[in-house]
Amino acid sequence: MSNLKITLKHGIVNRTPKQRATVQTLGLRKIGQTVVREDTPANRGLVQAVRHLVTVEEVD
């Protein structure tokens, strides 16, 4: 399976508690931090919920 490279591009200050929890679940803490997660429907759903805060790239 492929992986997703997820980068936090905006801060989570003044965001809803649900959005903050989603970003933390993805493993992101600071602006510019990048994590690589497996491309699963669950991870796709998390990314979709905060798509305005992150950038996503597919990597092998």
C-alpha atoms as a PDB file:
ATOM      1  CA  MET A   1       0.000   0.000   0.000  1.00  0.00           C
ATOM      2  CA  SER A   2       1.020   3.583  -0.457  1.00  0.00           C
ATOM      3  CA  ASN A   3       1.518   6.094   2.304  1.00  0.00           C
ATOM      4  CA  LEU A   4       0.327   9.638   2.906  1.00  0.00           C
ATOM      5  CA  LYS A   5       2.760  12.419   3.767  1.00  0.00           C
ATOM      6  CA  ILE A   6       0.761  14.877   5.875  1.00  0.00           C
ATOM      7  CA  THR A   7       2.109  18.339   6.766  1.00  0.00           C
ATOM      8  CA  LEU A   8       0.477  20.827   9.134  1.00  0.00           C
ATOM      9  CA  LYS A   9       0.397  24.190   7.333  1.00  0.00           C
ATOM     10  CA  HIS A  10      -1.810  26.213   9.717  1.00  0.00           C
ATOM     11  CA  GLY A  11      -1.906  26.374  13.502  1.00  0.00           C
ATOM     12  CA  ILE A  12      -4.701  24.936  15.604  1.00  0.00           C
ATOM     13  CA  VAL A  13      -5.236  28.003  17.791  1.00  0.00           C
ATOM     14  CA  ASN A  14      -8.848  29.236  17.549  1.00  0.00           C
ATOM     15  CA  ARG A  15     -10.009  25.946  16.022  1.00  0.00           C
ATOM     16  CA  THR A  16     -12.811  23.787  17.356  1.00  0.00           C
ATOM     17  CA  PRO A  17     -11.924  21.109  19.914  1.00  0.00           C
ATOM     18  CA  LYS A  18     -12.863  18.441  17.372  1.00  0.00           C
ATOM     19  CA  GLN A  19     -10.409  19.832  14.806  1.00  0.00           C
ATOM     20  CA  ARG A  20      -7.657  20.078  17.436  1.00  0.00           C
ATOM     21  CA  ALA A  21      -8.229  16.474  18.465  1.00  0.00           C
ATOM     22  CA  THR A  22      -8.146  15.317  14.832  1.00  0.00           C
ATOM     23  CA  VAL A  23      -4.812  17.057  14.188  1.00  0.00           C
ATOM     24  CA  GLN A  24      -3.368  15.541  17.366  1.00  0.00           C
ATOM     25  CA  THR A  25      -4.663  12.094  16.361  1.00  0.00           C
ATOM     26  CA  LEU A  26      -2.758  12.421  13.107  1.00  0.00           C
ATOM     27  CA  GLY A  27       0.370  12.993  15.207  1.00  0.00           C
ATOM     28  CA  LEU A  28       0.890  16.649  14.336  1.00  0.00           C
ATOM     29  CA  ARG A  29       1.889  19.238  16.920  1.00  0.00           C
ATOM     30  CA  LYS A  30       3.728  22.136  15.251  1.00  0.00           C
ATOM     31  CA  ILE A  31       3.299  24.102  12.032  1.00  0.00           C
ATOM     32  CA  GLY A  32       5.494  22.578   9.356  1.00  0.00           C
ATOM     33  CA  GLN A  33       5.696  19.176  11.043  1.00  0.00           C
ATOM     34  CA  THR A  34       5.309  16.213   8.695  1.00  0.00           C
ATOM     35  CA  VAL A  35       4.198  12.659   9.412  1.00  0.00           C
ATOM     36  CA  VAL A  36       3.875   9.647   7.130  1.00  0.00           C
ATOM     37  CA  ARG A  37       0.771   7.546   7.698  1.00  0.00           C
ATOM     38  CA  GLU A  38      -0.598   4.491   5.922  1.00  0.00           C
ATOM     39  CA  ASP A  39      -3.202   5.239   3.266  1.00  0.00           C
ATOM     40  CA  THR A  40      -6.324   3.773   4.865  1.00  0.00           C
ATOM     41  CA  PRO A  41      -9.953   4.932   4.772  1.00  0.00           C
ATOM     42  CA  ALA A  42      -9.687   5.941   8.439  1.00  0.00           C
ATOM     43  CA  ASN A  43      -6.667   8.166   7.826  1.00  0.00           C
ATOM     44  CA  ARG A  44      -8.293   9.596   4.701  1.00  0.00           C
ATOM     45  CA  GLY A  45     -11.314  10.541   6.815  1.00  0.00           C
ATOM     46  CA  LEU A  46      -9.134  12.285   9.405  1.00  0.00           C
ATOM     47  CA  VAL A  47      -7.368  14.241   6.683  1.00  0.00           C
ATOM     48  CA  GLN A  48     -10.697  15.166   5.074  1.00  0.00           C
ATOM     49  CA  ALA A  49     -11.937  16.622   8.380  1.00  0.00           C
ATOM     50  CA  VAL A  50      -8.993  19.037   8.588  1.00  0.00           C
ATOM     51  CA  ARG A  51      -8.170  19.442   4.893  1.00  0.00           C
ATOM     52  CA  HIS A  52      -7.980  23.239   5.289  1.00  0.00           C
ATOM     53  CA  LEU A  53      -5.170  22.880   7.864  1.00  0.00           C
ATOM     54  CA  VAL A  54      -2.935  20.275   6.203  1.00  0.00           C
ATOM     55  CA  THR A  55      -1.329  19.386   2.901  1.00  0.00           C
ATOM     56  CA  VAL A  56      -1.247  15.776   1.722  1.00  0.00           C
ATOM     57  CA  GLU A  57       1.027  13.978  -0.727  1.00  0.00           C
ATOM     58  CA  GLU A  58       1.024  10.327  -1.719  1.00  0.00           C
ATOM     59  CA  VAL A  59       4.396   8.607  -1.314  1.00  0.00           C
ATOM     60  CA  ASP A  60       5.550   5.049  -1.889  1.00  0.00           C
END
